[in-house]
PDB file of all heavy atoms in Angstrom:
ATOM      1  N   ILE A   1      98.669  81.450 100.108  1.00  0.00           N
ATOM      2  CA  ILE A   1      98.670  82.828 100.554  1.00  0.00           C
ATOM      3  C   ILE A   1      97.712  83.612  99.674  1.00  0.00           C
ATOM      4  O   ILE A   1      97.934  83.739  98.468  1.00  0.00           O
ATOM      5  CB  ILE A   1     100.073  83.446 100.502  1.00  0.00           C
ATOM      6  CG1 ILE A   1     101.028  82.660 101.390  1.00  0.00           C
ATOM      7  CG2 ILE A   1     100.016  84.911 100.916  1.00  0.00           C
ATOM      8  CD1 ILE A   1     102.450  83.170 101.358  1.00  0.00           C
ATOM      9  N   SER A   2      96.677  84.104 100.289  1.00  0.00           N
ATOM     10  CA  SER A   2      95.675  84.849  99.544  1.00  0.00           C
ATOM     11  C   SER A   2      96.198  86.220  99.129  1.00  0.00           C
ATOM     12  O   SER A   2      96.025  86.639  97.981  1.00  0.00           O
ATOM     13  CB  SER A   2      94.412  85.013 100.384  1.00  0.00           C
ATOM     14  OG  SER A   2      93.460  85.827  99.713  1.00  0.00           O
ATOM     15  N   SER A   3      96.819  86.901 100.060  1.00  0.00           N
ATOM     16  CA  SER A   3      97.324  88.228  99.769  1.00  0.00           C
ATOM     17  C   SER A   3      98.494  88.532 100.675  1.00  0.00           C
ATOM     18  O   SER A   3      98.626  87.972 101.761  1.00  0.00           O
ATOM     19  CB  SER A   3      96.233  89.289  99.939  1.00  0.00           C
ATOM     20  OG  SER A   3      95.799  89.365 101.281  1.00  0.00           O
ATOM     21  N   MET A   4      99.329  89.412 100.210  1.00  0.00           N
ATOM     22  CA  MET A   4     100.429  89.917 101.006  1.00  0.00           C
ATOM     23  C   MET A   4     100.516  91.411 100.778  1.00  0.00           C
ATOM     24  O   MET A   4     100.010  91.930  99.782  1.00  0.00           O
ATOM     25  CB  MET A   4     101.757  89.249 100.633  1.00  0.00           C
ATOM     26  CG  MET A   4     101.793  87.749 100.897  1.00  0.00           C
ATOM     27  SD  MET A   4     103.377  86.973 100.478  1.00  0.00           S
ATOM     28  CE  MET A   4     104.431  87.621 101.786  1.00  0.00           C
ATOM     29  N   GLY A   5     101.155  92.068 101.704  1.00  0.00           N
ATOM     30  CA  GLY A   5     101.247  93.498 101.553  1.00  0.00           C
ATOM     31  C   GLY A   5     102.334  94.111 102.392  1.00  0.00           C
ATOM     32  O   GLY A   5     102.973  93.452 103.215  1.00  0.00           O
ATOM     33  N   TRP A   6     102.523  95.372 102.137  1.00  0.00           N
ATOM     34  CA  TRP A   6     103.472  96.180 102.876  1.00  0.00           C
ATOM     35  C   TRP A   6     102.737  97.274 103.621  1.00  0.00           C
ATOM     36  O   TRP A   6     101.876  97.956 103.051  1.00  0.00           O
ATOM     37  CB  TRP A   6     104.508  96.809 101.947  1.00  0.00           C
ATOM     38  CG  TRP A   6     105.445  95.818 101.336  1.00  0.00           C
ATOM     39  CD1 TRP A   6     105.359  95.254 100.104  1.00  0.00           C
ATOM     40  CD2 TRP A   6     106.614  95.278 101.947  1.00  0.00           C
ATOM     41  NE1 TRP A   6     106.408  94.392  99.892  1.00  0.00           N
ATOM     42  CE2 TRP A   6     107.194  94.391 101.015  1.00  0.00           C
ATOM     43  CE3 TRP A   6     107.237  95.455 103.181  1.00  0.00           C
ATOM     44  CZ2 TRP A   6     108.366  93.687 101.284  1.00  0.00           C
ATOM     45  CZ3 TRP A   6     108.392  94.753 103.447  1.00  0.00           C
ATOM     46  CH2 TRP A   6     108.948  93.880 102.509  1.00  0.00           C
ATOM     47  N   TYR A   7     103.093  97.435 104.862  1.00  0.00           N
ATOM     48  CA  TYR A   7     102.608  98.513 105.690  1.00  0.00           C
ATOM     49  C   TYR A   7     103.816  99.241 106.246  1.00  0.00           C
ATOM     50  O   TYR A   7     104.928  98.716 106.232  1.00  0.00           O
ATOM     51  CB  TYR A   7     101.734  97.980 106.822  1.00  0.00           C
ATOM     52  CG  TYR A   7     100.444  97.340 106.343  1.00  0.00           C
ATOM     53  CD1 TYR A   7     100.451  96.109 105.704  1.00  0.00           C
ATOM     54  CD2 TYR A   7      99.219  97.978 106.530  1.00  0.00           C
ATOM     55  CE1 TYR A   7      99.280  95.525 105.253  1.00  0.00           C
ATOM     56  CE2 TYR A   7      98.044  97.395 106.087  1.00  0.00           C
ATOM     57  CZ  TYR A   7      98.079  96.176 105.454  1.00  0.00           C
ATOM     58  OH  TYR A   7      96.913  95.605 105.010  1.00  0.00           O
ATOM     59  N   ARG A   8     103.599 100.430 106.710  1.00  0.00           N
ATOM     60  CA  ARG A   8     104.711 101.162 107.294  1.00  0.00           C
ATOM     61  C   ARG A   8     104.253 101.934 108.515  1.00  0.00           C
ATOM     62  O   ARG A   8     103.087 102.297 108.647  1.00  0.00           O
ATOM     63  CB  ARG A   8     105.364 102.100 106.278  1.00  0.00           C
ATOM     64  CG  ARG A   8     104.491 103.257 105.814  1.00  0.00           C
ATOM     65  CD  ARG A   8     105.175 104.003 104.691  1.00  0.00           C
ATOM     66  NE  ARG A   8     104.407 105.144 104.235  1.00  0.00           N
ATOM     67  CZ  ARG A   8     104.708 105.875 103.174  1.00  0.00           C
ATOM     68  NH1 ARG A   8     105.789 105.581 102.444  1.00  0.00           N
ATOM     69  NH2 ARG A   8     103.958 106.910 102.830  1.00  0.00           N
ATOM     70  N   GLN A   9     105.199 102.160 109.389  1.00  0.00           N
ATOM     71  CA  GLN A   9     104.913 102.872 110.614  1.00  0.00           C
ATOM     72  C   GLN A   9     106.103 103.742 110.980  1.00  0.00           C
ATOM     73  O   GLN A   9     107.211 103.243 111.167  1.00  0.00           O
ATOM     74  CB  GLN A   9     104.592 101.902 111.745  1.00  0.00           C
ATOM     75  CG  GLN A   9     104.082 102.563 113.000  1.00  0.00           C
ATOM     76  CD  GLN A   9     103.453 101.571 113.957  1.00  0.00           C
ATOM     77  OE1 GLN A   9     103.736 100.376 113.908  1.00  0.00           O
ATOM     78  NE2 GLN A   9     102.589 102.052 114.819  1.00  0.00           N
ATOM     79  N   ALA A  10     105.858 105.016 111.050  1.00  0.00           N
ATOM     80  CA  ALA A  10     106.865 105.968 111.480  1.00  0.00           C
ATOM     81  C   ALA A  10     106.647 106.286 112.953  1.00  0.00           C
ATOM     82  O   ALA A  10     105.535 106.140 113.466  1.00  0.00           O
ATOM     83  CB  ALA A  10     106.795 107.238 110.646  1.00  0.00           C
ATOM     84  N   PRO A  11     107.682 106.726 113.652  1.00  0.00           N
ATOM     85  CA  PRO A  11     107.532 107.051 115.070  1.00  0.00           C
ATOM     86  C   PRO A  11     106.404 108.038 115.314  1.00  0.00           C
ATOM     87  O   PRO A  11     106.318 109.080 114.660  1.00  0.00           O
ATOM     88  CB  PRO A  11     108.885 107.658 115.439  1.00  0.00           C
ATOM     89  CG  PRO A  11     109.840 107.025 114.484  1.00  0.00           C
ATOM     90  CD  PRO A  11     109.072 106.895 113.198  1.00  0.00           C
ATOM     91  N   GLY A  12     105.535 107.692 116.236  1.00  0.00           N
ATOM     92  CA  GLY A  12     104.414 108.548 116.563  1.00  0.00           C
ATOM     93  C   GLY A  12     103.250 108.475 115.614  1.00  0.00           C
ATOM     94  O   GLY A  12     102.241 109.152 115.831  1.00  0.00           O
ATOM     95  N   ASN A  13     103.375 107.686 114.577  1.00  0.00           N
ATOM     96  CA  ASN A  13     102.324 107.577 113.577  1.00  0.00           C
ATOM     97  C   ASN A  13     101.620 106.232 113.653  1.00  0.00           C
ATOM     98  O   ASN A  13     102.148 105.255 114.191  1.00  0.00           O
ATOM     99  CB  ASN A  13     102.891 107.770 112.173  1.00  0.00           C
ATOM    100  CG  ASN A  13     103.340 109.185 111.902  1.00  0.00           C
ATOM    101  OD1 ASN A  13     103.408 110.017 112.808  1.00  0.00           O
ATOM    102  ND2 ASN A  13     103.657 109.469 110.651  1.00  0.00           N
ATOM    103  N   GLU A  14     100.433 106.210 113.095  1.00  0.00           N
ATOM    104  CA  GLU A  14      99.714 104.961 112.980  1.00  0.00           C
ATOM    105  C   GLU A  14     100.304 104.130 111.845  1.00  0.00           C
ATOM    106  O   GLU A  14     100.863 104.658 110.891  1.00  0.00           O
ATOM    107  CB  GLU A  14      98.236 105.221 112.702  1.00  0.00           C
ATOM    108  CG  GLU A  14      97.499 105.946 113.814  1.00  0.00           C
ATOM    109  CD  GLU A  14      97.291 105.075 115.024  1.00  0.00           C
ATOM    110  OE1 GLU A  14      97.161 103.849 114.866  1.00  0.00           O
ATOM    111  OE2 GLU A  14      97.273 105.619 116.140  1.00  0.00           O
ATOM    112  N   ARG A  15     100.173 102.837 111.986  1.00  0.00           N
ATOM    113  CA  ARG A  15     100.569 101.966 110.901  1.00  0.00           C
ATOM    114  C   ARG A  15      99.639 102.193 109.714  1.00  0.00           C
ATOM    115  O   ARG A  15      98.419 102.267 109.871  1.00  0.00           O
ATOM    116  CB  ARG A  15     100.524 100.508 111.348  1.00  0.00           C
ATOM    117  CG  ARG A  15     101.008  99.520 110.309  1.00  0.00           C
ATOM    118  CD  ARG A  15     101.034  98.106 110.866  1.00  0.00           C
ATOM    119  NE  ARG A  15     101.964  97.991 111.979  1.00  0.00           N
ATOM    120  CZ  ARG A  15     102.179  96.864 112.653  1.00  0.00           C
ATOM    121  NH1 ARG A  15     101.535  95.749 112.317  1.00  0.00           N
ATOM    122  NH2 ARG A  15     103.038  96.852 113.664  1.00  0.00           N
ATOM    123  N   GLU A  16     100.211 102.328 108.559  1.00  0.00           N
ATOM    124  CA  GLU A  16      99.416 102.602 107.380  1.00  0.00           C
ATOM    125  C   GLU A  16      99.745 101.632 106.257  1.00  0.00           C
ATOM    126  O   GLU A  16     100.869 101.152 106.133  1.00  0.00           O
ATOM    127  CB  GLU A  16      99.632 104.042 106.895  1.00  0.00           C
ATOM    128  CG  GLU A  16     101.051 104.344 106.454  1.00  0.00           C
ATOM    129  CD  GLU A  16     101.209 105.739 105.886  1.00  0.00           C
ATOM    130  OE1 GLU A  16     100.191 106.381 105.562  1.00  0.00           O
ATOM    131  OE2 GLU A  16     102.366 106.195 105.766  1.00  0.00           O
ATOM    132  N   LEU A  17      98.749 101.389 105.468  1.00  0.00           N
ATOM    133  CA  LEU A  17      98.924 100.533 104.308  1.00  0.00           C
ATOM    134  C   LEU A  17      99.771 101.238 103.268  1.00  0.00           C
ATOM    135  O   LEU A  17      99.580 102.427 103.000  1.00  0.00           O
ATOM    136  CB  LEU A  17      97.563 100.157 103.723  1.00  0.00           C
ATOM    137  CG  LEU A  17      97.542  99.238 102.504  1.00  0.00           C
ATOM    138  CD1 LEU A  17      96.297  98.365 102.541  1.00  0.00           C
ATOM    139  CD2 LEU A  17      97.561 100.041 101.209  1.00  0.00           C
ATOM    140  N   VAL A  18     100.694 100.504 102.690  1.00  0.00           N
ATOM    141  CA  VAL A  18     101.486 101.003 101.578  1.00  0.00           C
ATOM    142  C   VAL A  18     100.998 100.375 100.278  1.00  0.00           C
ATOM    143  O   VAL A  18     100.651 101.073  99.331  1.00  0.00           O
ATOM    144  CB  VAL A  18     102.982 100.725 101.775  1.00  0.00           C
ATOM    145  CG1 VAL A  18     103.777 101.197 100.562  1.00  0.00           C
ATOM    146  CG2 VAL A  18     103.489 101.400 103.046  1.00  0.00           C
ATOM    147  N   ALA A  19     100.985  99.064 100.245  1.00  0.00           N
ATOM    148  CA  ALA A  19     100.565  98.356  99.044  1.00  0.00           C
ATOM    149  C   ALA A  19     100.226  96.927  99.399  1.00  0.00           C
ATOM    150  O   ALA A  19     100.842  96.336 100.287  1.00  0.00           O
ATOM    151  CB  ALA A  19     101.653  98.389  97.969  1.00  0.00           C
ATOM    152  N   THR A  20      99.260  96.381  98.710  1.00  0.00           N
ATOM    153  CA  THR A  20      98.913  94.979  98.871  1.00  0.00           C
ATOM    154  C   THR A  20      98.779  94.343  97.502  1.00  0.00           C
ATOM    155  O   THR A  20      98.551  95.020  96.499  1.00  0.00           O
ATOM    156  CB  THR A  20      97.596  94.783  99.645  1.00  0.00           C
ATOM    157  OG1 THR A  20      96.525  95.421  98.958  1.00  0.00           O
ATOM    158  CG2 THR A  20      97.713  95.350 101.053  1.00  0.00           C
ATOM    159  N   ILE A  21      98.899  93.032  97.495  1.00  0.00           N
ATOM    160  CA  ILE A  21      98.741  92.292  96.251  1.00  0.00           C
ATOM    161  C   ILE A  21      98.124  90.940  96.570  1.00  0.00           C
ATOM    162  O   ILE A  21      98.522  90.262  97.518  1.00  0.00           O
ATOM    163  CB  ILE A  21     100.084  92.146  95.501  1.00  0.00           C
ATOM    164  CG1 ILE A  21      99.870  91.488  94.137  1.00  0.00           C
ATOM    165  CG2 ILE A  21     101.102  91.385  96.338  1.00  0.00           C
ATOM    166  CD1 ILE A  21     101.089  91.583  93.227  1.00  0.00           C
ATOM    167  N   THR A  22      97.146  90.551  95.782  1.00  0.00           N
ATOM    168  CA  THR A  22      96.540  89.243  95.941  1.00  0.00           C
ATOM    169  C   THR A  22      97.312  88.221  95.131  1.00  0.00           C
ATOM    170  O   THR A  22      98.161  88.555  94.302  1.00  0.00           O
ATOM    171  CB  THR A  22      95.076  89.251  95.497  1.00  0.00           C
ATOM    172  OG1 THR A  22      95.010  89.384  94.070  1.00  0.00           O
ATOM    173  CG2 THR A  22      94.306  90.385  96.154  1.00  0.00           C
ATOM    174  N   SER A  23      96.999  86.965  95.375  1.00  0.00           N
ATOM    175  CA  SER A  23      97.654  85.911  94.605  1.00  0.00           C
ATOM    176  C   SER A  23      97.340  86.018  93.127  1.00  0.00           C
ATOM    177  O   SER A  23      98.117  85.545  92.295  1.00  0.00           O
ATOM    178  CB  SER A  23      97.237  84.534  95.131  1.00  0.00           C
ATOM    179  OG  SER A  23      95.842  84.334  94.991  1.00  0.00           O
ATOM    180  N   GLY A  24      96.222  86.634  92.804  1.00  0.00           N
ATOM    181  CA  GLY A  24      95.851  86.840  91.423  1.00  0.00           C
ATOM    182  C   GLY A  24      96.442  88.085  90.801  1.00  0.00           C
ATOM    183  O   GLY A  24      96.199  88.355  89.620  1.00  0.00           O
ATOM    184  N   GLY A  25      97.196  88.839  91.586  1.00  0.00           N
ATOM    185  CA  GLY A  25      97.877  89.999  91.046  1.00  0.00           C
ATOM    186  C   GLY A  25      97.143  91.314  91.182  1.00  0.00           C
ATOM    187  O   GLY A  25      97.591  92.324  90.637  1.00  0.00           O
ATOM    188  N   ILE A  26      96.038  91.316  91.894  1.00  0.00           N
ATOM    189  CA  ILE A  26      95.323  92.563  92.119  1.00  0.00           C
ATOM    190  C   ILE A  26      96.075  93.384  93.157  1.00  0.00           C
ATOM    191  O   ILE A  26      96.374  92.894  94.243  1.00  0.00           O
ATOM    192  CB  ILE A  26      93.883  92.302  92.575  1.00  0.00           C
ATOM    193  CG1 ILE A  26      93.131  91.501  91.512  1.00  0.00           C
ATOM    194  CG2 ILE A  26      93.164  93.608  92.867  1.00  0.00           C
ATOM    195  CD1 ILE A  26      91.758  91.044  91.942  1.00  0.00           C
ATOM    196  N   THR A  27      96.350  94.611  92.828  1.00  0.00           N
ATOM    197  CA  THR A  27      97.144  95.461  93.703  1.00  0.00           C
ATOM    198  C   THR A  27      96.339  96.626  94.235  1.00  0.00           C
ATOM    199  O   THR A  27      95.343  97.056  93.641  1.00  0.00           O
ATOM    200  CB  THR A  27      98.379  96.005  92.977  1.00  0.00           C
ATOM    201  OG1 THR A  27      97.971  96.741  91.820  1.00  0.00           O
ATOM    202  CG2 THR A  27      99.285  94.863  92.546  1.00  0.00           C
ATOM    203  N   ASN A  28      96.791  97.124  95.352  1.00  0.00           N
ATOM    204  CA  ASN A  28      96.206  98.288  95.976  1.00  0.00           C
ATOM    205  C   ASN A  28      97.337  99.116  96.558  1.00  0.00           C
ATOM    206  O   ASN A  28      98.222  98.573  97.218  1.00  0.00           O
ATOM    207  CB  ASN A  28      95.215  97.880  97.065  1.00  0.00           C
ATOM    208  CG  ASN A  28      94.547  99.062  97.733  1.00  0.00           C
ATOM    209  OD1 ASN A  28      94.172 100.016  97.068  1.00  0.00           O
ATOM    210  ND2 ASN A  28      94.385  98.994  99.044  1.00  0.00           N
ATOM    211  N   TYR A  29      97.305 100.410  96.306  1.00  0.00           N
ATOM    212  CA  TYR A  29      98.364 101.296  96.765  1.00  0.00           C
ATOM    213  C   TYR A  29      97.800 102.464  97.536  1.00  0.00           C
ATOM    214  O   TYR A  29      96.712 102.965  97.237  1.00  0.00           O
ATOM    215  CB  TYR A  29      99.156 101.864  95.586  1.00  0.00           C
ATOM    216  CG  TYR A  29      99.934 100.858  94.795  1.00  0.00           C
ATOM    217  CD1 TYR A  29      99.384 100.260  93.672  1.00  0.00           C
ATOM    218  CD2 TYR A  29     101.235 100.519  95.154  1.00  0.00           C
ATOM    219  CE1 TYR A  29     100.099  99.343  92.930  1.00  0.00           C
ATOM    220  CE2 TYR A  29     101.957  99.604  94.416  1.00  0.00           C
ATOM    221  CZ  TYR A  29     101.388  99.017  93.305  1.00  0.00           C
ATOM    222  OH  TYR A  29     102.111  98.109  92.568  1.00  0.00           O
ATOM    223  N   ALA A  30      98.563 102.892  98.498  1.00  0.00           N
ATOM    224  CA  ALA A  30      98.253 104.159  99.129  1.00  0.00           C
ATOM    225  C   ALA A  30      98.455 105.272  98.116  1.00  0.00           C
ATOM    226  O   ALA A  30      99.353 105.211  97.269  1.00  0.00           O
ATOM    227  CB  ALA A  30      99.155 104.389 100.342  1.00  0.00           C
ATOM    228  N   ASP A  31      97.625 106.289  98.204  1.00  0.00           N
ATOM    229  CA  ASP A  31      97.731 107.391  97.258  1.00  0.00           C
ATOM    230  C   ASP A  31      99.117 108.034  97.287  1.00  0.00           C
ATOM    231  O   ASP A  31      99.622 108.485  96.253  1.00  0.00           O
ATOM    232  CB  ASP A  31      96.675 108.450  97.553  1.00  0.00           C
ATOM    233  CG  ASP A  31      95.276 108.000  97.180  1.00  0.00           C
ATOM    234  OD1 ASP A  31      95.143 107.059  96.377  1.00  0.00           O
ATOM    235  OD2 ASP A  31      94.314 108.600  97.688  1.00  0.00           O
ATOM    236  N   SER A  32      99.727 108.050  98.444  1.00  0.00           N
ATOM    237  CA  SER A  32     101.006 108.720  98.597  1.00  0.00           C
ATOM    238  C   SER A  32     102.147 108.027  97.869  1.00  0.00           C
ATOM    239  O   SER A  32     103.201 108.636  97.659  1.00  0.00           O
ATOM    240  CB  SER A  32     101.360 108.851 100.084  1.00  0.00           C
ATOM    241  OG  SER A  32     101.444 107.579 100.698  1.00  0.00           O
ATOM    242  N   VAL A  33     101.956 106.774  97.489  1.00  0.00           N
ATOM    243  CA  VAL A  33     103.041 106.037  96.838  1.00  0.00           C
ATOM    244  C   VAL A  33     102.711 105.644  95.413  1.00  0.00           C
ATOM    245  O   VAL A  33     103.578 105.093  94.714  1.00  0.00           O
ATOM    246  CB  VAL A  33     103.435 104.778  97.638  1.00  0.00           C
ATOM    247  CG1 VAL A  33     103.752 105.138  99.083  1.00  0.00           C
ATOM    248  CG2 VAL A  33     102.341 103.716  97.575  1.00  0.00           C
TER     249      VAL A  33
END
């Protein structure tokens, strides 16, 4: 698994990225979280 992540979708909203992480531990977060 190269990377995994969390996305979220609220009613009426587009799916948005929350956070991702690579197998090497590199992370990416939405500014809101």
